[in-house]
Amino acid sequence: MDLPLKHSDSARDRRTSLVIFIGCFVVMVAVLALTPGALGVAAPQRLKFDLAPLLQQSWLVQFHVWTVATALLLGPVQFVLPKGTGAHRVFGWIWASAMLATAIATFFIRDMRDGQLSPIHIFSLMALIGVPLAVWLARVKAMSHARAMTGLYIGLVIAGVTAIAPGRVIWAMFFS
């Protein structure tokens, strides 16, 4: 039997959500700023969108990119939605499913290092452990659920920034 979450959406909760959202945004900007050439490359005159480089990849890479995009877009939505609501739960399950699916998919994508796992796979391992843990924390109504989800989202953003490197699919979709 599912018990409803009894989170109150107080002014303090909304401020906390806003701080988390702003913190994630700041981390994303900082990672972009610290990635050599990333901000200069993303200048509007060079920015474009072309799905062809993605569509030339295997179905597994395409699946990975779509699940990552889903998680990246739903993360900020989750941070600002009132906690404990039906919408927060539905989007939370979609986000958690996308994170788990993308983490599992990465273990089968080994094009870059001659079939070997790369250091970025540590984020996949973190997601495989962290997502079920964060869901469990929500089920037991632990306040650390928000911290776990925030950490997972920050890890997703950091891992995503590495996909912007020249020669990678995302680079080709937006900058070549």
Protein backbone atom coordinates (compact mmCIF):
# COMPACT_ATOMS: atom_id res chain seq x y z
CA MET A 1 0.00 0.00 0.00
CA ASP A 2 1.44 3.37 -1.02
CA LEU A 3 1.30 6.00 1.64
CA PRO A 4 1.09 9.55 0.37
CA LEU A 5 4.13 11.70 0.97
CA LYS A 6 3.34 14.38 3.48
CA HIS A 7 5.75 17.03 2.36
CA SER A 8 4.51 20.53 2.87
CA ASP A 9 5.37 22.99 0.15
CA SER A 10 6.28 25.78 2.52
CA ALA A 11 8.12 28.96 1.63
CA ARG A 12 11.25 27.35 3.08
CA ASP A 13 10.83 24.30 0.79
CA ARG A 14 10.39 26.57 -2.24
CA ARG A 15 13.51 28.56 -1.29
CA THR A 16 15.47 25.33 -0.87
CA SER A 17 14.32 24.15 -4.30
CA LEU A 18 15.30 27.46 -5.84
CA VAL A 19 18.73 27.30 -4.21
CA ILE A 20 19.23 23.76 -5.55
CA PHE A 21 18.14 24.85 -9.02
CA ILE A 22 20.46 27.86 -8.98
CA GLY A 23 23.28 25.74 -7.58
CA CYS A 24 22.92 23.22 -10.42
CA PHE A 25 22.88 26.05 -12.94
CA VAL A 26 26.04 27.56 -11.40
CA VAL A 27 27.78 24.17 -11.45
CA MET A 28 26.84 23.70 -15.10
CA VAL A 29 28.15 27.16 -16.02
CA ALA A 30 31.34 26.57 -14.00
CA VAL A 31 32.00 23.25 -15.71
CA LEU A 32 31.45 24.87 -19.11
CA ALA A 33 33.72 27.76 -18.14
CA LEU A 34 36.45 25.38 -16.99
CA THR A 35 36.26 23.26 -20.13
CA PRO A 36 38.87 24.80 -22.44
CA GLY A 37 37.21 26.53 -25.39
CA ALA A 38 33.67 25.42 -24.52
CA LEU A 39 32.23 28.91 -24.10
CA GLY A 40 33.95 30.31 -27.20
CA VAL A 41 32.74 27.40 -29.29
CA ALA A 42 29.16 27.85 -28.14
CA ALA A 43 28.99 31.37 -29.55
CA PRO A 44 25.58 31.89 -31.20
CA GLN A 45 27.04 32.38 -34.67
CA ARG A 46 28.56 28.87 -34.53
CA LEU A 47 25.68 27.14 -32.77
CA LYS A 48 23.43 24.96 -34.94
CA PHE A 49 21.30 21.87 -34.52
CA ASP A 50 21.63 18.90 -36.84
CA LEU A 51 20.34 15.42 -35.96
CA ALA A 52 22.24 13.75 -38.81
CA PRO A 53 25.38 12.97 -36.74
CA LEU A 54 23.20 11.31 -34.09
CA LEU A 55 21.14 9.37 -36.62
CA GLN A 56 24.35 7.94 -38.10
CA GLN A 57 25.17 6.31 -34.76
CA SER A 58 24.04 2.90 -33.52
CA TRP A 59 20.58 2.57 -31.98
CA LEU A 60 22.27 2.20 -28.59
CA VAL A 61 24.04 5.57 -28.85
CA GLN A 62 20.81 7.18 -30.04
CA PHE A 63 18.91 5.64 -27.12
CA HIS A 64 21.60 6.89 -24.73
CA VAL A 65 21.41 10.45 -26.06
CA TRP A 66 17.60 10.54 -25.82
CA THR A 67 17.56 9.18 -22.26
CA VAL A 68 20.25 11.67 -21.23
CA ALA A 69 18.30 14.53 -22.84
CA THR A 70 15.16 13.43 -20.99
CA ALA A 71 16.98 13.40 -17.65
CA LEU A 72 18.71 16.73 -18.32
CA LEU A 73 15.43 18.44 -19.16
CA LEU A 74 13.38 16.91 -16.33
CA GLY A 75 15.96 17.62 -13.61
CA PRO A 76 15.29 21.36 -13.30
CA VAL A 77 11.54 20.71 -13.56
CA GLN A 78 11.80 18.39 -10.55
CA PHE A 79 13.72 20.95 -8.54
CA VAL A 80 10.98 23.56 -8.90
CA LEU A 81 7.87 21.37 -8.69
CA PRO A 82 6.17 21.20 -5.30
CA LYS A 83 7.50 18.10 -3.55
CA GLY A 84 5.22 15.17 -2.86
CA THR A 85 2.69 16.05 -5.56
CA GLY A 86 1.50 13.64 -8.22
CA ALA A 87 3.39 15.55 -10.91
CA HIS A 88 6.62 15.43 -8.90
CA ARG A 89 6.23 11.67 -8.47
CA VAL A 90 5.40 10.98 -12.13
CA PHE A 91 8.26 13.11 -13.43
CA GLY A 92 10.49 11.61 -10.76
CA TRP A 93 9.82 8.08 -11.96
CA ILE A 94 10.41 9.13 -15.57
CA TRP A 95 13.67 10.84 -14.54
CA ALA A 96 14.83 7.85 -12.49
CA SER A 97 13.98 5.47 -15.35
CA ALA A 98 15.86 7.63 -17.85
CA MET A 99 18.89 7.77 -15.55
CA LEU A 100 18.95 4.00 -15.03
CA ALA A 101 18.42 3.32 -18.73
CA THR A 102 21.21 5.66 -19.76
CA ALA A 103 23.58 4.24 -17.13
CA ILE A 104 22.96 0.68 -18.29
CA ALA A 105 23.32 1.66 -21.95
CA THR A 106 26.73 3.25 -21.35
CA PHE A 107 28.24 -0.08 -20.34
CA PHE A 108 27.54 -1.36 -23.85
CA ILE A 109 28.89 1.75 -25.60
CA ARG A 110 32.64 1.35 -25.83
CA ASP A 111 33.50 2.93 -29.16
CA MET A 112 36.01 5.44 -27.84
CA ARG A 113 38.62 3.25 -26.14
CA ASP A 114 38.87 0.13 -28.27
CA GLY A 115 36.17 -1.71 -26.34
CA GLN A 116 37.40 -0.68 -22.89
CA LEU A 117 35.48 1.21 -20.23
CA SER A 118 36.47 4.85 -19.89
CA PRO A 119 36.73 7.02 -16.77
CA ILE A 120 33.31 8.52 -17.60
CA HIS A 121 31.78 5.14 -16.76
CA ILE A 122 32.24 6.01 -13.08
CA PHE A 123 29.20 8.28 -13.48
CA SER A 124 27.22 5.30 -14.78
CA LEU A 125 28.19 3.27 -11.73
CA MET A 126 27.23 6.17 -9.48
CA ALA A 127 23.81 6.34 -11.17
CA LEU A 128 23.23 2.59 -10.86
CA ILE A 129 23.84 2.82 -7.13
CA GLY A 130 22.53 6.34 -6.48
CA VAL A 131 19.17 6.24 -8.26
CA PRO A 132 17.77 3.22 -6.37
CA LEU A 133 19.17 4.65 -3.13
CA ALA A 134 17.55 8.05 -3.78
CA VAL A 135 14.22 6.40 -4.63
CA TRP A 136 14.40 4.40 -1.41
CA LEU A 137 15.16 7.61 0.52
CA ALA A 138 12.00 9.14 -0.97
CA ARG A 139 9.97 6.09 0.03
CA VAL A 140 11.13 6.38 3.66
CA LYS A 141 10.62 10.14 3.52
CA ALA A 142 14.24 10.97 4.32
CA MET A 143 15.34 14.54 3.73
CA SER A 144 18.57 13.24 2.20
CA HIS A 145 16.50 12.22 -0.86
CA ALA A 146 16.80 15.78 -2.19
CA ARG A 147 20.58 15.81 -1.65
CA ALA A 148 20.97 12.44 -3.37
CA MET A 149 18.93 13.56 -6.37
CA THR A 150 20.81 16.85 -6.56
CA GLY A 151 24.13 15.00 -6.54
CA LEU A 152 22.95 12.66 -9.27
CA TYR A 153 21.81 15.58 -11.42
CA ILE A 154 25.12 17.39 -10.96
CA GLY A 155 26.94 14.20 -11.95
CA LEU A 156 24.73 13.96 -15.04
CA VAL A 157 25.59 17.53 -16.03
CA ILE A 158 29.31 16.98 -15.49
CA ALA A 159 29.24 13.76 -17.53
CA GLY A 160 27.22 15.57 -20.20
CA VAL A 161 29.78 18.32 -20.53
CA THR A 162 32.35 15.73 -21.62
CA ALA A 163 30.07 14.94 -24.56
CA ILE A 164 30.67 18.44 -25.90
CA ALA A 165 34.33 17.61 -26.68
CA PRO A 166 35.40 17.93 -30.32
CA GLY A 167 34.97 14.68 -32.22
CA ARG A 168 32.03 13.49 -30.12
CA VAL A 169 28.45 13.16 -31.41
CA ILE A 170 27.04 16.12 -29.47
CA TRP A 171 29.84 18.32 -30.79
CA ALA A 172 28.95 17.33 -34.34
CA MET A 173 25.24 17.96 -33.73
CA PHE A 174 25.76 21.52 -32.50
CA PHE A 175 29.13 22.84 -33.72
CA SER A 176 30.30 21.23 -36.96
